C-alpha atoms as a PDB file:
ATOM      1  CA  GLN A   1     -39.962 -41.480  52.284  1.00  0.00           C
ATOM      2  CA  VAL A   2     -42.943 -42.683  54.091  1.00  0.00           C
ATOM      3  CA  GLN A   3     -43.398 -42.552  57.824  1.00  0.00           C
ATOM      4  CA  VAL A   4     -46.089 -44.880  59.494  1.00  0.00           C
ATOM      5  CA  ALA A   5     -47.500 -45.325  62.861  1.00  0.00           C
ATOM      6  CA  GLU A   6     -50.334 -47.636  64.363  1.00  0.00           C
ATOM      7  CA  SER A   7     -53.157 -46.539  66.944  1.00  0.00           C
ATOM      8  CA  GLY A   8     -55.918 -48.404  68.068  1.00  0.00           C
ATOM      9  CA  GLY A   9     -54.342 -51.393  70.023  1.00  0.00           C
ATOM     10  CA  GLY A  10     -56.149 -52.206  73.904  1.00  0.00           C
ATOM     11  CA  LEU A  11     -57.764 -55.311  75.340  1.00  0.00           C
ATOM     12  CA  VAL A  12     -60.490 -57.374  74.011  1.00  0.00           C
ATOM     13  CA  GLN A  13     -62.186 -59.740  74.920  1.00  0.00           C
ATOM     14  CA  ALA A  14     -62.447 -63.150  72.945  1.00  0.00           C
ATOM     15  CA  GLY A  15     -64.787 -63.264  70.148  1.00  0.00           C
ATOM     16  CA  GLY A  16     -64.905 -59.024  70.369  1.00  0.00           C
ATOM     17  CA  SER A  17     -63.448 -56.899  67.887  1.00  0.00           C
ATOM     18  CA  LEU A  18     -60.866 -53.991  67.342  1.00  0.00           C
ATOM     19  CA  ARG A  19     -59.713 -51.399  64.078  1.00  0.00           C
ATOM     20  CA  LEU A  20     -56.553 -50.549  64.500  1.00  0.00           C
ATOM     21  CA  SER A  21     -55.405 -47.921  61.956  1.00  0.00           C
ATOM     22  CA  CYS A  22     -52.192 -47.270  60.449  1.00  0.00           C
ATOM     23  CA  ALA A  23     -51.263 -43.507  59.164  1.00  0.00           C
ATOM     24  CA  ALA A  24     -48.367 -42.621  56.987  1.00  0.00           C
ATOM     25  CA  SER A  25     -46.666 -39.395  56.394  1.00  0.00           C
ATOM     26  CA  GLY A  26     -46.045 -38.205  53.058  1.00  0.00           C
ATOM     27  CA  ARG A  27     -46.977 -37.749  49.561  1.00  0.00           C
ATOM     28  CA  SER A  28     -46.605 -40.918  48.136  1.00  0.00           C
ATOM     29  CA  PHE A  29     -48.723 -42.903  50.073  1.00  0.00           C
ATOM     30  CA  SER A  30     -50.055 -44.319  47.093  1.00  0.00           C
ATOM     31  CA  ASN A  31     -47.700 -45.562  45.986  1.00  0.00           C
ATOM     32  CA  TYR A  32     -46.560 -48.279  48.378  1.00  0.00           C
ATOM     33  CA  ALA A  33     -49.304 -51.531  48.893  1.00  0.00           C
ATOM     34  CA  MET A  34     -49.234 -51.598  52.976  1.00  0.00           C
ATOM     35  CA  GLY A  35     -49.000 -54.923  54.782  1.00  0.00           C
ATOM     36  CA  TRP A  36     -50.030 -55.878  58.493  1.00  0.00           C
ATOM     37  CA  PHE A  37     -47.387 -57.701  60.810  1.00  0.00           C
ATOM     38  CA  ARG A  38     -47.674 -59.376  64.082  1.00  0.00           C
ATOM     39  CA  GLN A  39     -45.235 -60.979  66.416  1.00  0.00           C
ATOM     40  CA  ALA A  40     -46.833 -62.645  69.798  1.00  0.00           C
ATOM     41  CA  PRO A  41     -44.541 -63.216  72.924  1.00  0.00           C
ATOM     42  CA  GLY A  42     -41.911 -65.816  72.288  1.00  0.00           C
ATOM     43  CA  LYS A  43     -42.859 -65.856  68.314  1.00  0.00           C
ATOM     44  CA  GLU A  44     -40.977 -64.471  64.961  1.00  0.00           C
ATOM     45  CA  ARG A  45     -42.939 -62.160  63.375  1.00  0.00           C
ATOM     46  CA  GLU A  46     -45.655 -62.955  60.616  1.00  0.00           C
ATOM     47  CA  PHE A  47     -47.403 -61.679  58.162  1.00  0.00           C
ATOM     48  CA  VAL A  48     -51.049 -61.424  58.537  1.00  0.00           C
ATOM     49  CA  GLY A  49     -52.249 -59.281  55.585  1.00  0.00           C
ATOM     50  CA  VAL A  50     -51.619 -56.598  52.510  1.00  0.00           C
ATOM     51  CA  ILE A  51     -53.382 -54.414  50.351  1.00  0.00           C
ATOM     52  CA  SER A  52     -52.394 -52.640  47.120  1.00  0.00           C
ATOM     53  CA  ARG A  53     -51.604 -49.929  46.220  1.00  0.00           C
ATOM     54  CA  SER A  54     -54.731 -48.784  45.217  1.00  0.00           C
ATOM     55  CA  GLY A  55     -57.199 -50.790  47.536  1.00  0.00           C
ATOM     56  CA  ALA A  56     -59.209 -52.873  45.020  1.00  0.00           C
ATOM     57  CA  PHE A  57     -56.449 -56.234  46.248  1.00  0.00           C
ATOM     58  CA  ALA A  58     -55.671 -57.470  49.094  1.00  0.00           C
ATOM     59  CA  ASP A  59     -54.352 -61.155  50.553  1.00  0.00           C
ATOM     60  CA  TYR A  60     -54.537 -62.528  53.909  1.00  0.00           C
ATOM     61  CA  ALA A  61     -52.817 -65.561  55.999  1.00  0.00           C
ATOM     62  CA  ASP A  62     -54.539 -67.995  56.455  1.00  0.00           C
ATOM     63  CA  SER A  63     -55.078 -67.706  60.243  1.00  0.00           C
ATOM     64  CA  VAL A  64     -57.088 -64.573  59.561  1.00  0.00           C
ATOM     65  CA  LYS A  65     -58.737 -65.196  57.139  1.00  0.00           C
ATOM     66  CA  GLY A  66     -62.786 -64.824  56.950  1.00  0.00           C
ATOM     67  CA  ARG A  67     -62.237 -62.542  60.345  1.00  0.00           C
ATOM     68  CA  PHE A  68     -59.669 -59.849  59.685  1.00  0.00           C
ATOM     69  CA  THR A  69     -60.131 -57.308  56.389  1.00  0.00           C
ATOM     70  CA  ILE A  70     -57.735 -54.902  55.403  1.00  0.00           C
ATOM     71  CA  SER A  71     -58.567 -51.213  53.889  1.00  0.00           C
ATOM     72  CA  ARG A  72     -57.333 -48.187  52.583  1.00  0.00           C
ATOM     73  CA  ASP A  73     -58.077 -44.189  52.181  1.00  0.00           C
ATOM     74  CA  ASN A  74     -55.547 -42.527  50.333  1.00  0.00           C
ATOM     75  CA  ALA A  75     -57.089 -39.755  50.315  1.00  0.00           C
ATOM     76  CA  LYS A  76     -56.107 -39.814  54.240  1.00  0.00           C
ATOM     77  CA  ASN A  77     -53.048 -41.689  54.353  1.00  0.00           C
ATOM     78  CA  THR A  78     -54.439 -44.350  55.996  1.00  0.00           C
ATOM     79  CA  MET A  79     -54.601 -47.741  56.320  1.00  0.00           C
ATOM     80  CA  TYR A  80     -56.851 -50.338  58.515  1.00  0.00           C
ATOM     81  CA  LEU A  81     -57.444 -53.156  59.837  1.00  0.00           C
ATOM     82  CA  GLN A  82     -60.953 -54.526  60.925  1.00  0.00           C
ATOM     83  CA  MET A  83     -60.244 -57.634  63.326  1.00  0.00           C
ATOM     84  CA  ASN A  84     -63.499 -59.602  64.123  1.00  0.00           C
ATOM     85  CA  SER A  85     -64.069 -62.624  66.212  1.00  0.00           C
ATOM     86  CA  LEU A  86     -61.014 -62.125  67.720  1.00  0.00           C
ATOM     87  CA  LYS A  87     -59.494 -64.935  69.379  1.00  0.00           C
ATOM     88  CA  PRO A  88     -56.655 -65.248  72.318  1.00  0.00           C
ATOM     89  CA  GLU A  89     -53.882 -66.517  69.673  1.00  0.00           C
ATOM     90  CA  ASP A  90     -54.643 -62.998  67.641  1.00  0.00           C
ATOM     91  CA  THR A  91     -52.687 -61.692  70.762  1.00  0.00           C
ATOM     92  CA  ALA A  92     -49.779 -59.719  69.254  1.00  0.00           C
ATOM     93  CA  VAL A  93     -48.357 -56.660  68.373  1.00  0.00           C
ATOM     94  CA  TYR A  94     -49.125 -55.589  65.506  1.00  0.00           C
ATOM     95  CA  TYR A  95     -47.087 -53.330  63.012  1.00  0.00           C
ATOM     96  CA  CYS A  96     -47.999 -51.652  60.021  1.00  0.00           C
ATOM     97  CA  ALA A  97     -45.120 -51.513  57.505  1.00  0.00           C
ATOM     98  CA  ALA A  98     -45.051 -49.624  53.496  1.00  0.00           C
ATOM     99  CA  SER A  99     -43.718 -51.891  49.871  1.00  0.00           C
ATOM    100  CA  SER A 100     -42.315 -50.484  47.307  1.00  0.00           C
ATOM    101  CA  ASN A 101     -43.098 -53.855  45.772  1.00  0.00           C
ATOM    102  CA  ASN A 102     -46.440 -55.143  44.245  1.00  0.00           C
ATOM    103  CA  TYR A 103     -49.019 -56.119  47.219  1.00  0.00           C
ATOM    104  CA  ALA A 104     -48.692 -59.962  45.086  1.00  0.00           C
ATOM    105  CA  TYR A 105     -44.761 -60.255  46.150  1.00  0.00           C
ATOM    106  CA  ALA A 106     -45.357 -58.116  49.515  1.00  0.00           C
ATOM    107  CA  HIS A 107     -45.739 -61.427  51.974  1.00  0.00           C
ATOM    108  CA  PRO A 108     -42.098 -61.604  53.555  1.00  0.00           C
ATOM    109  CA  ALA A 109     -41.463 -59.346  56.157  1.00  0.00           C
ATOM    110  CA  SER A 110     -37.759 -58.052  53.885  1.00  0.00           C
ATOM    111  CA  ALA A 111     -40.860 -56.937  51.184  1.00  0.00           C
ATOM    112  CA  TYR A 112     -40.992 -53.657  53.462  1.00  0.00           C
ATOM    113  CA  ASN A 113     -39.123 -50.239  53.532  1.00  0.00           C
ATOM    114  CA  TYR A 114     -41.036 -48.855  56.310  1.00  0.00           C
ATOM    115  CA  TRP A 115     -42.091 -49.799  59.808  1.00  0.00           C
ATOM    116  CA  GLY A 116     -43.770 -48.019  62.274  1.00  0.00           C
ATOM    117  CA  GLN A 117     -43.445 -49.248  66.011  1.00  0.00           C
ATOM    118  CA  GLY A 118     -46.498 -51.296  66.978  1.00  0.00           C
ATOM    119  CA  ALA A 119     -49.648 -51.356  68.303  1.00  0.00           C
ATOM    120  CA  ARG A 120     -50.559 -54.082  71.244  1.00  0.00           C
ATOM    121  CA  VAL A 121     -53.766 -55.993  70.776  1.00  0.00           C
ATOM    122  CA  THR A 122     -54.368 -58.418  73.736  1.00  0.00           C
ATOM    123  CA  VAL A 123     -57.364 -60.588  73.575  1.00  0.00           C
ATOM    124  CA  SER A 124     -58.095 -62.628  76.349  1.00  0.00           C
ATOM    125  CA  SER A 125     -60.586 -66.092  77.045  1.00  0.00           C
END
């Protein structure tokens, strides 16, 4: 079992940067593909990106590709989401999640076993 918790949310101006962290408990962190999702007010939760167990591979939603980067440090049981060139439409609660599936099949939320509580990111115009 894995417990995950996000940190690093906050308020940032459009064009700015922010880094979210996702800390995981347990010894099996490297056995899980890790993903980021977000949910804006009044909208459904959407996929942001996913990183493979080793960290060698990552996939991103088209809306964030080229601006967001996911990385992980398995020695520290931590995943990161570096967000650059932020836009007001990036405003949302961001969730990290752990999936026992291969990262290539871990785009839908249903592929994930464990979820964090979320970190709010607000981008002002």
